[in-house]
C-alpha atoms as a PDB file:
ATOM      1  CA  MET A   1      73.346  12.498 -13.495  1.00  0.00           C
ATOM      2  CA  PRO A   2      74.717   9.124 -15.300  1.00  0.00           C
ATOM      3  CA  LEU A   3      73.707   7.867 -18.486  1.00  0.00           C
ATOM      4  CA  PHE A   4      72.856   4.398 -19.261  1.00  0.00           C
ATOM      5  CA  ILE A   5      72.872   2.581 -22.442  1.00  0.00           C
ATOM      6  CA  ARG A   6      70.640  -0.153 -22.413  1.00  0.00           C
ATOM      7  CA  ASP A   7      70.375  -0.555 -26.471  1.00  0.00           C
ATOM      8  CA  ASP A   8      72.529  -2.963 -27.494  1.00  0.00           C
ATOM      9  CA  ASP A   9      72.862  -1.027 -31.040  1.00  0.00           C
ATOM     10  CA  VAL A  10      73.361   2.166 -29.125  1.00  0.00           C
ATOM     11  CA  ASP A  11      75.977   0.580 -27.370  1.00  0.00           C
ATOM     12  CA  ALA A  12      77.886  -0.840 -30.370  1.00  0.00           C
ATOM     13  CA  LEU A  13      77.645   2.491 -32.140  1.00  0.00           C
ATOM     14  CA  ALA A  14      79.592   4.119 -28.893  1.00  0.00           C
ATOM     15  CA  SER A  15      82.063   1.376 -29.171  1.00  0.00           C
ATOM     16  CA  GLU A  16      82.636   1.946 -32.870  1.00  0.00           C
ATOM     17  CA  LEU A  17      82.875   5.388 -32.232  1.00  0.00           C
ATOM     18  CA  GLN A  18      85.240   5.291 -29.090  1.00  0.00           C
ATOM     19  CA  LYS A  19      87.431   2.923 -31.432  1.00  0.00           C
ATOM     20  CA  LEU A  20      87.234   5.538 -34.245  1.00  0.00           C
ATOM     21  CA  THR A  21      88.316   8.489 -32.434  1.00  0.00           C
ATOM     22  CA  LYS A  22      90.565   6.877 -30.016  1.00  0.00           C
ATOM     23  CA  ALA A  23      88.316   8.159 -27.568  1.00  0.00           C
ATOM     24  CA  ARG A  24      89.792   7.144 -23.877  1.00  0.00           C
ATOM     25  CA  THR A  25      86.186   5.986 -23.051  1.00  0.00           C
ATOM     26  CA  LYS A  26      82.714   5.257 -24.472  1.00  0.00           C
ATOM     27  CA  THR A  27      81.757   8.221 -22.393  1.00  0.00           C
ATOM     28  CA  GLU A  28      84.137  10.707 -23.915  1.00  0.00           C
ATOM     29  CA  ALA A  29      83.263   9.478 -27.537  1.00  0.00           C
ATOM     30  CA  VAL A  30      79.603   9.988 -26.893  1.00  0.00           C
ATOM     31  CA  ARG A  31      80.440  13.559 -25.273  1.00  0.00           C
ATOM     32  CA  VAL A  32      82.411  14.678 -28.105  1.00  0.00           C
ATOM     33  CA  ALA A  33      79.569  13.319 -30.475  1.00  0.00           C
ATOM     34  CA  LEU A  34      76.730  15.107 -28.774  1.00  0.00           C
ATOM     35  CA  GLN A  35      78.681  18.398 -28.489  1.00  0.00           C
ATOM     36  CA  HIS A  36      79.288  18.107 -32.152  1.00  0.00           C
ATOM     37  CA  GLU A  37      75.872  17.213 -33.068  1.00  0.00           C
ATOM     38  CA  ILE A  38      74.355  20.199 -31.033  1.00  0.00           C
ATOM     39  CA  GLU A  39      76.938  22.662 -32.853  1.00  0.00           C
ATOM     40  CA  ARG A  40      75.713  21.318 -36.134  1.00  0.00           C
ATOM     41  CA  SER A  41      72.049  21.870 -35.064  1.00  0.00           C
ATOM     42  CA  ARG A  42      72.955  25.174 -33.984  1.00  0.00           C
ATOM     43  CA  GLN A  43      75.025  26.275 -37.301  1.00  0.00           C
ATOM     44  CA  SER A  44      71.416  25.024 -39.372  1.00  0.00           C
ATOM     45  CA  ILE A  45      69.574  27.887 -37.462  1.00  0.00           C
ATOM     46  CA  PRO A  46      69.977  30.653 -40.426  1.00  0.00           C
ATOM     47  CA  LEU A  47      72.333  33.618 -39.715  1.00  0.00           C
ATOM     48  CA  ALA A  48      69.554  36.188 -39.802  1.00  0.00           C
ATOM     49  CA  GLN A  49      67.172  34.227 -37.086  1.00  0.00           C
ATOM     50  CA  ARG A  50      70.877  33.802 -34.904  1.00  0.00           C
ATOM     51  CA  LEU A  51      71.590  37.660 -35.184  1.00  0.00           C
ATOM     52  CA  ALA A  52      68.005  38.534 -34.347  1.00  0.00           C
ATOM     53  CA  LYS A  53      68.328  36.693 -30.873  1.00  0.00           C
ATOM     54  CA  LEU A  54      71.500  38.536 -30.237  1.00  0.00           C
ATOM     55  CA  GLN A  55      70.317  41.894 -30.985  1.00  0.00           C
ATOM     56  CA  ASP A  56      67.183  40.982 -28.852  1.00  0.00           C
ATOM     57  CA  LYS A  57      69.573  40.306 -25.841  1.00  0.00           C
ATOM     58  CA  ALA A  58      71.395  43.549 -26.864  1.00  0.00           C
ATOM     59  CA  ALA A  59      68.190  45.561 -27.084  1.00  0.00           C
ATOM     60  CA  ALA A  60      67.066  44.354 -23.627  1.00  0.00           C
ATOM     61  CA  LEU A  61      70.260  45.501 -22.013  1.00  0.00           C
ATOM     62  CA  GLY A  62      69.760  48.995 -23.330  1.00  0.00           C
ATOM     63  CA  LEU A  63      71.705  51.886 -24.531  1.00  0.00           C
ATOM     64  CA  PRO A  64      74.814  52.663 -22.295  1.00  0.00           C
ATOM     65  CA  ASN A  65      74.817  55.391 -19.784  1.00  0.00           C
ATOM     66  CA  PRO A  66      75.862  59.094 -21.760  1.00  0.00           C
ATOM     67  CA  ASP A  67      76.878  60.222 -18.418  1.00  0.00           C
ATOM     68  CA  PHE A  68      79.456  57.522 -17.430  1.00  0.00           C
ATOM     69  CA  ASP A  69      82.732  58.678 -17.166  1.00  0.00           C
ATOM     70  CA  MET A  70      85.359  55.662 -18.243  1.00  0.00           C
ATOM     71  CA  LYS A  71      88.284  57.525 -17.173  1.00  0.00           C
ATOM     72  CA  LYS A  72      87.289  58.442 -13.792  1.00  0.00           C
ATOM     73  CA  TYR A  73      86.105  54.893 -13.437  1.00  0.00           C
ATOM     74  CA  THR A  74      89.465  53.286 -14.448  1.00  0.00           C
ATOM     75  CA  ASP A  75      91.276  55.815 -12.560  1.00  0.00           C
ATOM     76  CA  LYS A  76      89.339  54.841  -9.336  1.00  0.00           C
ATOM     77  CA  MET A  77      89.968  50.739 -10.518  1.00  0.00           C
ATOM     78  CA  TRP A  78      93.792  51.914 -10.590  1.00  0.00           C
ATOM     79  CA  GLY A  79      93.402  53.661  -7.320  1.00  0.00           C
ATOM     80  CA  ASP A  80      94.812  56.558  -9.038  1.00  0.00           C
END
């Protein structure tokens, strides 16, 4: 979906960023800026909160199957 910049000030900022970063296009400059801002925002979330989210996902997966035979599985995968 296209993004149209209709604000002259925002367009000027995008042009300035394009020049400063030597981006080929304003779109590329805006993409990189948005990616950096998203990463910066994610990093501002406390580590404990980020880890809790990962731990919840791991808990949702459950424990591994204790009866799973990895050797048998890999032998079958390799055709042995």
